[in-house]
Amino acid sequence: MFLGEFEYRLDEKGRVPLPPRFRSFFRDGVIVAPSPEKCLALYTVAEWKKVADSITGGGLSHSKLRKIQRALFGSASPTEFDSQGRITIPSTLRAYASLGGDVVVVGTNNYLELWDKAAWEIEKADDLAEAWQILESLELH
């Protein structure tokens, strides 16, 4: 389970460390993929396979499935840790998520998200307000 927020700095080569406590989960590699919120999703290989299986077995029409496969799988990129615990984010994905200097790694239960710090602050404020409303509607007691 991935929990918490961690601030880092993306270096000039597009490398960013991941929190040390999470690195063992990614021993088979990291799949970096675009997310609809203009951040990046970082998946373990096992979790990525679950995502792929759910999409391909989701009952979508062939044309919709092709669009999703091109958009998601065509943009995704496998990467591994270097000796300093950093992963390299491809330039196309850095541009997609507007990643430059300060970034935040966010735990989202079964995967991580990588955000531009300023964009994360805005998203976090919006998400918190809406999340409390959603939880209230669920009446979890």
N, C-alpha and C. Protein backbone atom coordinates (compact mmCIF):
# COMPACT_ATOMS: atom_id res chain seq x y z
N MET A 1 0.85 -1.18 0.00
CA MET A 1 0.00 0.00 0.00
C MET A 1 0.89 1.24 0.00
N PHE A 2 0.61 2.15 -0.91
CA PHE A 2 1.40 3.37 -1.04
C PHE A 2 0.65 4.52 -0.38
N LEU A 3 1.28 5.13 0.62
CA LEU A 3 0.67 6.22 1.37
C LEU A 3 1.65 7.38 1.50
N GLY A 4 1.12 8.60 1.55
CA GLY A 4 1.93 9.76 1.87
C GLY A 4 2.31 10.61 0.66
N GLU A 5 2.96 11.74 0.98
CA GLU A 5 3.47 12.70 0.00
C GLU A 5 4.96 12.89 0.25
N PHE A 6 5.72 12.99 -0.83
CA PHE A 6 7.17 13.12 -0.72
C PHE A 6 7.65 14.12 -1.76
N GLU A 7 8.34 15.15 -1.31
CA GLU A 7 8.83 16.19 -2.22
C GLU A 7 10.25 15.87 -2.66
N TYR A 8 10.47 16.04 -3.96
CA TYR A 8 11.78 15.82 -4.55
C TYR A 8 12.04 16.89 -5.60
N ARG A 9 13.21 16.80 -6.18
CA ARG A 9 13.58 17.70 -7.26
C ARG A 9 13.96 16.84 -8.47
N LEU A 10 13.35 17.12 -9.60
CA LEU A 10 13.67 16.46 -10.85
C LEU A 10 14.98 17.06 -11.36
N ASP A 11 15.97 16.22 -11.66
CA ASP A 11 17.24 16.79 -12.11
C ASP A 11 17.21 17.09 -13.61
N GLU A 12 18.29 17.66 -14.11
CA GLU A 12 18.34 18.12 -15.50
C GLU A 12 18.26 16.97 -16.51
N LYS A 13 18.50 15.75 -16.07
CA LYS A 13 18.40 14.59 -16.95
C LYS A 13 17.04 13.90 -16.84
N GLY A 14 16.12 14.50 -16.08
CA GLY A 14 14.79 13.92 -15.94
C GLY A 14 14.72 12.79 -14.93
N ARG A 15 15.64 12.76 -13.99
CA ARG A 15 15.65 11.70 -12.98
C ARG A 15 15.06 12.21 -11.68
N VAL A 16 14.35 11.30 -11.01
CA VAL A 16 13.76 11.64 -9.72
C VAL A 16 13.84 10.40 -8.83
N PRO A 17 14.18 10.60 -7.55
CA PRO A 17 14.17 9.44 -6.65
C PRO A 17 12.73 9.10 -6.25
N LEU A 18 12.53 7.85 -5.90
CA LEU A 18 11.27 7.45 -5.28
C LEU A 18 11.54 7.19 -3.82
N PRO A 19 10.52 7.34 -2.97
CA PRO A 19 10.74 7.12 -1.54
C PRO A 19 11.37 5.75 -1.27
N PRO A 20 12.42 5.71 -0.46
CA PRO A 20 13.10 4.44 -0.18
C PRO A 20 12.17 3.32 0.30
N ARG A 21 11.16 3.66 1.08
CA ARG A 21 10.26 2.63 1.61
C ARG A 21 9.46 1.91 0.53
N PHE A 22 9.36 2.51 -0.66
CA PHE A 22 8.57 1.92 -1.74
C PHE A 22 9.41 1.17 -2.78
N ARG A 23 10.70 1.36 -2.75
CA ARG A 23 11.54 0.83 -3.83
C ARG A 23 11.47 -0.69 -3.98
N SER A 24 11.33 -1.39 -2.87
CA SER A 24 11.30 -2.86 -2.96
C SER A 24 10.07 -3.36 -3.72
N PHE A 25 8.99 -2.60 -3.73
CA PHE A 25 7.79 -2.99 -4.47
C PHE A 25 8.03 -2.95 -5.99
N PHE A 26 9.02 -2.16 -6.39
CA PHE A 26 9.29 -1.96 -7.81
C PHE A 26 10.53 -2.73 -8.27
N ARG A 27 10.86 -3.83 -7.61
CA ARG A 27 12.07 -4.57 -7.96
C ARG A 27 12.05 -5.11 -9.39
N ASP A 28 10.84 -5.32 -9.97
CA ASP A 28 10.74 -5.77 -11.36
C ASP A 28 10.70 -4.62 -12.35
N GLY A 29 10.75 -3.39 -11.84
CA GLY A 29 10.73 -2.21 -12.70
C GLY A 29 9.53 -1.33 -12.38
N VAL A 30 9.52 -0.18 -13.02
CA VAL A 30 8.47 0.82 -12.85
C VAL A 30 7.86 1.10 -14.21
N ILE A 31 6.54 1.13 -14.28
CA ILE A 31 5.85 1.55 -15.50
C ILE A 31 5.35 2.96 -15.25
N VAL A 32 5.79 3.90 -16.08
CA VAL A 32 5.38 5.29 -15.98
C VAL A 32 4.35 5.55 -17.07
N ALA A 33 3.18 6.04 -16.69
CA ALA A 33 2.10 6.25 -17.65
C ALA A 33 1.42 7.60 -17.40
N PRO A 34 0.85 8.19 -18.44
CA PRO A 34 0.10 9.43 -18.25
C PRO A 34 -1.18 9.16 -17.48
N SER A 35 -1.61 10.16 -16.72
CA SER A 35 -2.86 10.07 -15.98
C SER A 35 -3.78 11.20 -16.47
N PRO A 36 -5.09 11.02 -16.42
CA PRO A 36 -6.00 12.06 -16.94
C PRO A 36 -5.83 13.42 -16.26
N GLU A 37 -5.32 13.44 -15.03
CA GLU A 37 -5.19 14.71 -14.30
C GLU A 37 -3.92 15.46 -14.63
N LYS A 38 -3.23 15.09 -15.70
CA LYS A 38 -1.98 15.74 -16.12
C LYS A 38 -0.86 15.55 -15.10
N CYS A 39 -0.84 14.37 -14.50
CA CYS A 39 0.28 13.93 -13.69
C CYS A 39 0.71 12.59 -14.29
N LEU A 40 1.67 11.93 -13.66
CA LEU A 40 2.10 10.63 -14.12
C LEU A 40 1.77 9.57 -13.08
N ALA A 41 1.37 8.41 -13.53
CA ALA A 41 1.10 7.28 -12.66
C ALA A 41 2.30 6.34 -12.73
N LEU A 42 2.76 5.88 -11.57
CA LEU A 42 3.90 4.97 -11.49
C LEU A 42 3.40 3.64 -10.93
N TYR A 43 3.45 2.62 -11.76
CA TYR A 43 2.91 1.31 -11.41
C TYR A 43 4.01 0.28 -11.22
N THR A 44 3.76 -0.67 -10.33
CA THR A 44 4.59 -1.87 -10.31
C THR A 44 4.22 -2.66 -11.57
N VAL A 45 5.07 -3.57 -11.98
CA VAL A 45 4.76 -4.38 -13.16
C VAL A 45 3.50 -5.19 -12.92
N ALA A 46 3.34 -5.75 -11.73
CA ALA A 46 2.14 -6.56 -11.42
C ALA A 46 0.88 -5.71 -11.48
N GLU A 47 0.92 -4.51 -10.95
CA GLU A 47 -0.26 -3.64 -10.97
C GLU A 47 -0.57 -3.18 -12.39
N TRP A 48 0.47 -2.93 -13.18
CA TRP A 48 0.27 -2.53 -14.57
C TRP A 48 -0.44 -3.64 -15.34
N LYS A 49 -0.07 -4.88 -15.06
CA LYS A 49 -0.74 -6.02 -15.72
C LYS A 49 -2.22 -6.06 -15.35
N LYS A 50 -2.54 -5.73 -14.11
CA LYS A 50 -3.95 -5.67 -13.70
C LYS A 50 -4.70 -4.58 -14.47
N VAL A 51 -4.06 -3.43 -14.63
CA VAL A 51 -4.66 -2.33 -15.39
C VAL A 51 -4.89 -2.79 -16.83
N ALA A 52 -3.89 -3.39 -17.43
CA ALA A 52 -4.01 -3.86 -18.82
C ALA A 52 -5.13 -4.88 -18.95
N ASP A 53 -5.19 -5.82 -18.02
CA ASP A 53 -6.24 -6.84 -18.07
C ASP A 53 -7.63 -6.24 -17.92
N SER A 54 -7.77 -5.26 -17.04
CA SER A 54 -9.09 -4.66 -16.83
C SER A 54 -9.53 -3.86 -18.05
N ILE A 55 -8.58 -3.25 -18.74
CA ILE A 55 -8.93 -2.47 -19.93
C ILE A 55 -9.29 -3.40 -21.09
N THR A 56 -8.47 -4.40 -21.32
CA THR A 56 -8.71 -5.27 -22.48
C THR A 56 -9.90 -6.20 -22.25
N GLY A 57 -10.25 -6.46 -21.00
CA GLY A 57 -11.40 -7.32 -20.72
C GLY A 57 -12.63 -6.54 -20.32
N GLY A 58 -12.61 -5.23 -20.57
CA GLY A 58 -13.67 -4.36 -20.10
C GLY A 58 -14.89 -4.25 -20.97
N GLY A 59 -14.97 -5.00 -22.05
CA GLY A 59 -16.16 -4.95 -22.89
C GLY A 59 -16.28 -3.71 -23.76
N LEU A 60 -15.16 -3.07 -24.04
CA LEU A 60 -15.18 -1.89 -24.90
C LEU A 60 -15.29 -2.30 -26.37
N SER A 61 -15.85 -1.43 -27.17
CA SER A 61 -15.87 -1.68 -28.61
C SER A 61 -14.42 -1.67 -29.11
N HIS A 62 -14.19 -2.29 -30.25
CA HIS A 62 -12.83 -2.35 -30.80
C HIS A 62 -12.24 -0.96 -31.03
N SER A 63 -13.05 -0.03 -31.52
CA SER A 63 -12.52 1.31 -31.80
C SER A 63 -12.16 2.03 -30.51
N LYS A 64 -12.97 1.90 -29.46
CA LYS A 64 -12.65 2.54 -28.18
C LYS A 64 -11.43 1.89 -27.54
N LEU A 65 -11.36 0.58 -27.64
CA LEU A 65 -10.21 -0.13 -27.08
C LEU A 65 -8.92 0.30 -27.78
N ARG A 66 -8.96 0.44 -29.09
CA ARG A 66 -7.76 0.90 -29.82
C ARG A 66 -7.34 2.29 -29.37
N LYS A 67 -8.29 3.18 -29.19
CA LYS A 67 -7.96 4.54 -28.75
C LYS A 67 -7.30 4.52 -27.37
N ILE A 68 -7.87 3.75 -26.46
CA ILE A 68 -7.29 3.65 -25.11
C ILE A 68 -5.91 3.01 -25.17
N GLN A 69 -5.78 1.96 -25.95
CA GLN A 69 -4.48 1.30 -26.03
C GLN A 69 -3.41 2.23 -26.60
N ARG A 70 -3.76 2.99 -27.62
CA ARG A 70 -2.78 3.93 -28.18
C ARG A 70 -2.44 5.03 -27.19
N ALA A 71 -3.48 5.60 -26.56
CA ALA A 71 -3.26 6.73 -25.64
C ALA A 71 -2.49 6.30 -24.39
N LEU A 72 -2.87 5.19 -23.82
CA LEU A 72 -2.28 4.77 -22.55
C LEU A 72 -1.01 3.95 -22.75
N PHE A 73 -1.12 2.86 -23.49
CA PHE A 73 0.03 1.97 -23.64
C PHE A 73 1.09 2.55 -24.57
N GLY A 74 0.66 3.32 -25.55
CA GLY A 74 1.63 3.95 -26.45
C GLY A 74 2.46 5.02 -25.77
N SER A 75 1.92 5.61 -24.72
CA SER A 75 2.64 6.66 -23.98
C SER A 75 3.40 6.14 -22.78
N ALA A 76 3.03 4.96 -22.30
CA ALA A 76 3.66 4.41 -21.10
C ALA A 76 5.11 4.01 -21.40
N SER A 77 5.91 4.01 -20.34
CA SER A 77 7.31 3.69 -20.52
C SER A 77 7.84 2.90 -19.32
N PRO A 78 8.52 1.79 -19.59
CA PRO A 78 9.14 1.06 -18.48
C PRO A 78 10.46 1.73 -18.11
N THR A 79 10.79 1.68 -16.84
CA THR A 79 12.07 2.22 -16.38
C THR A 79 12.49 1.44 -15.14
N GLU A 80 13.75 1.61 -14.76
CA GLU A 80 14.29 0.94 -13.58
C GLU A 80 15.07 1.94 -12.75
N PHE A 81 15.38 1.56 -11.53
CA PHE A 81 16.15 2.42 -10.65
C PHE A 81 17.63 2.42 -11.04
N ASP A 82 18.24 3.58 -10.89
CA ASP A 82 19.69 3.62 -11.03
C ASP A 82 20.30 3.33 -9.65
N SER A 83 21.62 3.41 -9.54
CA SER A 83 22.29 3.06 -8.28
C SER A 83 21.95 4.01 -7.13
N GLN A 84 21.36 5.17 -7.44
CA GLN A 84 21.00 6.13 -6.40
C GLN A 84 19.50 6.14 -6.11
N GLY A 85 18.77 5.15 -6.60
CA GLY A 85 17.34 5.06 -6.32
C GLY A 85 16.48 6.01 -7.12
N ARG A 86 17.00 6.45 -8.28
CA ARG A 86 16.24 7.37 -9.13
C ARG A 86 15.72 6.62 -10.35
N ILE A 87 14.59 7.12 -10.87
CA ILE A 87 14.08 6.64 -12.14
C ILE A 87 14.15 7.80 -13.13
N THR A 88 14.28 7.46 -14.40
CA THR A 88 14.32 8.49 -15.45
C THR A 88 12.94 8.59 -16.07
N ILE A 89 12.42 9.81 -16.11
CA ILE A 89 11.13 10.08 -16.72
C ILE A 89 11.37 10.55 -18.15
N PRO A 90 10.82 9.86 -19.15
CA PRO A 90 11.03 10.28 -20.55
C PRO A 90 10.55 11.71 -20.77
N SER A 91 11.21 12.40 -21.69
CA SER A 91 10.90 13.82 -21.93
C SER A 91 9.45 14.03 -22.36
N THR A 92 8.88 13.11 -23.13
CA THR A 92 7.48 13.28 -23.55
C THR A 92 6.53 13.24 -22.36
N LEU A 93 6.81 12.39 -21.41
CA LEU A 93 5.96 12.31 -20.22
C LEU A 93 6.21 13.48 -19.28
N ARG A 94 7.46 13.96 -19.21
CA ARG A 94 7.73 15.17 -18.41
C ARG A 94 6.95 16.34 -18.97
N ALA A 95 6.93 16.47 -20.29
CA ALA A 95 6.20 17.56 -20.92
C ALA A 95 4.70 17.41 -20.67
N TYR A 96 4.17 16.22 -20.81
CA TYR A 96 2.74 15.98 -20.58
C TYR A 96 2.30 16.45 -19.19
N ALA A 97 3.11 16.13 -18.17
CA ALA A 97 2.76 16.47 -16.79
C ALA A 97 3.35 17.81 -16.34
N SER A 98 3.98 18.54 -17.24
CA SER A 98 4.61 19.84 -16.93
C SER A 98 5.59 19.73 -15.77
N LEU A 99 6.40 18.68 -15.79
CA LEU A 99 7.39 18.48 -14.73
C LEU A 99 8.66 19.21 -15.08
N GLY A 100 9.14 20.01 -14.12
CA GLY A 100 10.37 20.74 -14.35
C GLY A 100 11.32 20.61 -13.19
N GLY A 101 11.03 21.26 -12.09
CA GLY A 101 11.93 21.25 -10.95
C GLY A 101 11.37 20.49 -9.78
N ASP A 102 10.58 21.19 -8.96
CA ASP A 102 10.03 20.58 -7.76
C ASP A 102 8.84 19.69 -8.11
N VAL A 103 8.89 18.47 -7.60
CA VAL A 103 7.83 17.50 -7.86
C VAL A 103 7.40 16.86 -6.54
N VAL A 104 6.23 16.23 -6.58
CA VAL A 104 5.72 15.52 -5.40
C VAL A 104 5.32 14.12 -5.84
N VAL A 105 5.79 13.14 -5.08
CA VAL A 105 5.37 11.75 -5.27
C VAL A 105 4.26 11.52 -4.26
N VAL A 106 3.11 11.06 -4.76
CA VAL A 106 1.92 10.89 -3.92
C VAL A 106 1.50 9.43 -3.94
N GLY A 107 1.34 8.86 -2.74
CA GLY A 107 0.83 7.50 -2.63
C GLY A 107 -0.67 7.49 -2.83
N THR A 108 -1.15 6.60 -3.69
CA THR A 108 -2.59 6.53 -3.96
C THR A 108 -3.08 5.09 -3.81
N ASN A 109 -2.63 4.42 -2.79
CA ASN A 109 -3.00 3.06 -2.45
C ASN A 109 -2.23 2.03 -3.27
N ASN A 110 -2.63 1.78 -4.53
CA ASN A 110 -1.98 0.70 -5.29
C ASN A 110 -1.02 1.20 -6.39
N TYR A 111 -0.80 2.49 -6.47
CA TYR A 111 0.20 3.05 -7.38
C TYR A 111 0.62 4.41 -6.84
N LEU A 112 1.65 4.99 -7.44
CA LEU A 112 2.12 6.32 -7.07
C LEU A 112 1.77 7.30 -8.17
N GLU A 113 1.64 8.56 -7.80
CA GLU A 113 1.50 9.62 -8.79
C GLU A 113 2.68 10.57 -8.65
N LEU A 114 3.10 11.14 -9.76
CA LEU A 114 4.18 12.11 -9.79
C LEU A 114 3.61 13.40 -10.34
N TRP A 115 3.67 14.46 -9.52
CA TRP A 115 3.05 15.75 -9.84
C TRP A 115 4.08 16.87 -9.85
N ASP A 116 3.86 17.86 -10.69
CA ASP A 116 4.51 19.15 -10.54
C ASP A 116 4.03 19.70 -9.20
N LYS A 117 4.92 20.23 -8.39
CA LYS A 117 4.55 20.65 -7.03
C LYS A 117 3.42 21.67 -7.02
N ALA A 118 3.50 22.70 -7.85
CA ALA A 118 2.45 23.74 -7.85
C ALA A 118 1.11 23.15 -8.29
N ALA A 119 1.12 22.29 -9.30
CA ALA A 119 -0.12 21.66 -9.76
C ALA A 119 -0.70 20.76 -8.67
N TRP A 120 0.19 20.06 -7.94
CA TRP A 120 -0.28 19.19 -6.86
C TRP A 120 -0.98 19.99 -5.76
N GLU A 121 -0.44 21.12 -5.40
CA GLU A 121 -1.06 21.93 -4.34
C GLU A 121 -2.49 22.31 -4.71
N ILE A 122 -2.71 22.66 -5.95
CA ILE A 122 -4.06 23.01 -6.42
C ILE A 122 -4.96 21.78 -6.42
N GLU A 123 -4.46 20.69 -6.98
CA GLU A 123 -5.25 19.44 -7.05
C GLU A 123 -5.58 18.92 -5.65
N LYS A 124 -4.61 18.99 -4.76
CA LYS A 124 -4.80 18.49 -3.39
C LYS A 124 -5.91 19.25 -2.69
N ALA A 125 -5.93 20.55 -2.82
CA ALA A 125 -6.97 21.37 -2.18
C ALA A 125 -8.34 21.00 -2.74
N ASP A 126 -8.43 20.86 -4.06
CA ASP A 126 -9.71 20.47 -4.68
C ASP A 126 -10.14 19.08 -4.25
N ASP A 127 -9.19 18.14 -4.25
CA ASP A 127 -9.49 16.75 -3.89
C ASP A 127 -9.96 16.63 -2.45
N LEU A 128 -9.30 17.34 -1.54
CA LEU A 128 -9.69 17.25 -0.13
C LEU A 128 -11.13 17.70 0.08
N ALA A 129 -11.49 18.81 -0.51
CA ALA A 129 -12.84 19.33 -0.35
C ALA A 129 -13.87 18.33 -0.89
N GLU A 130 -13.60 17.81 -2.07
CA GLU A 130 -14.53 16.88 -2.68
C GLU A 130 -14.53 15.51 -2.00
N ALA A 131 -13.38 15.07 -1.55
CA ALA A 131 -13.29 13.76 -0.89
C ALA A 131 -14.12 13.72 0.38
N TRP A 132 -14.10 14.78 1.15
CA TRP A 132 -14.89 14.79 2.39
C TRP A 132 -16.38 14.70 2.06
N GLN A 133 -16.80 15.39 1.00
CA GLN A 133 -18.20 15.31 0.59
C GLN A 133 -18.56 13.89 0.15
N ILE A 134 -17.68 13.25 -0.58
CA ILE A 134 -17.94 11.88 -1.03
C ILE A 134 -18.02 10.94 0.18
N LEU A 135 -17.08 11.07 1.10
CA LEU A 135 -17.09 10.21 2.29
C LEU A 135 -18.36 10.42 3.12
N GLU A 136 -18.78 11.66 3.24
CA GLU A 136 -20.02 11.93 3.97
C GLU A 136 -21.21 11.24 3.32
N SER A 137 -21.25 11.24 1.99
CA SER A 137 -22.36 10.62 1.28
C SER A 137 -22.36 9.10 1.43
N LEU A 138 -21.19 8.52 1.70
CA LEU A 138 -21.10 7.07 1.88
C LEU A 138 -21.53 6.64 3.28
N GLU A 139 -21.54 7.59 4.21
CA GLU A 139 -21.92 7.32 5.61
C GLU A 139 -21.15 6.14 6.18
N LEU A 140 -19.83 6.22 6.13
CA LEU A 140 -18.98 5.18 6.68
C LEU A 140 -18.83 5.39 8.19
N HIS A 141 -19.52 4.63 8.96
CA HIS A 141 -19.41 4.74 10.41
C HIS A 141 -19.08 3.41 11.01
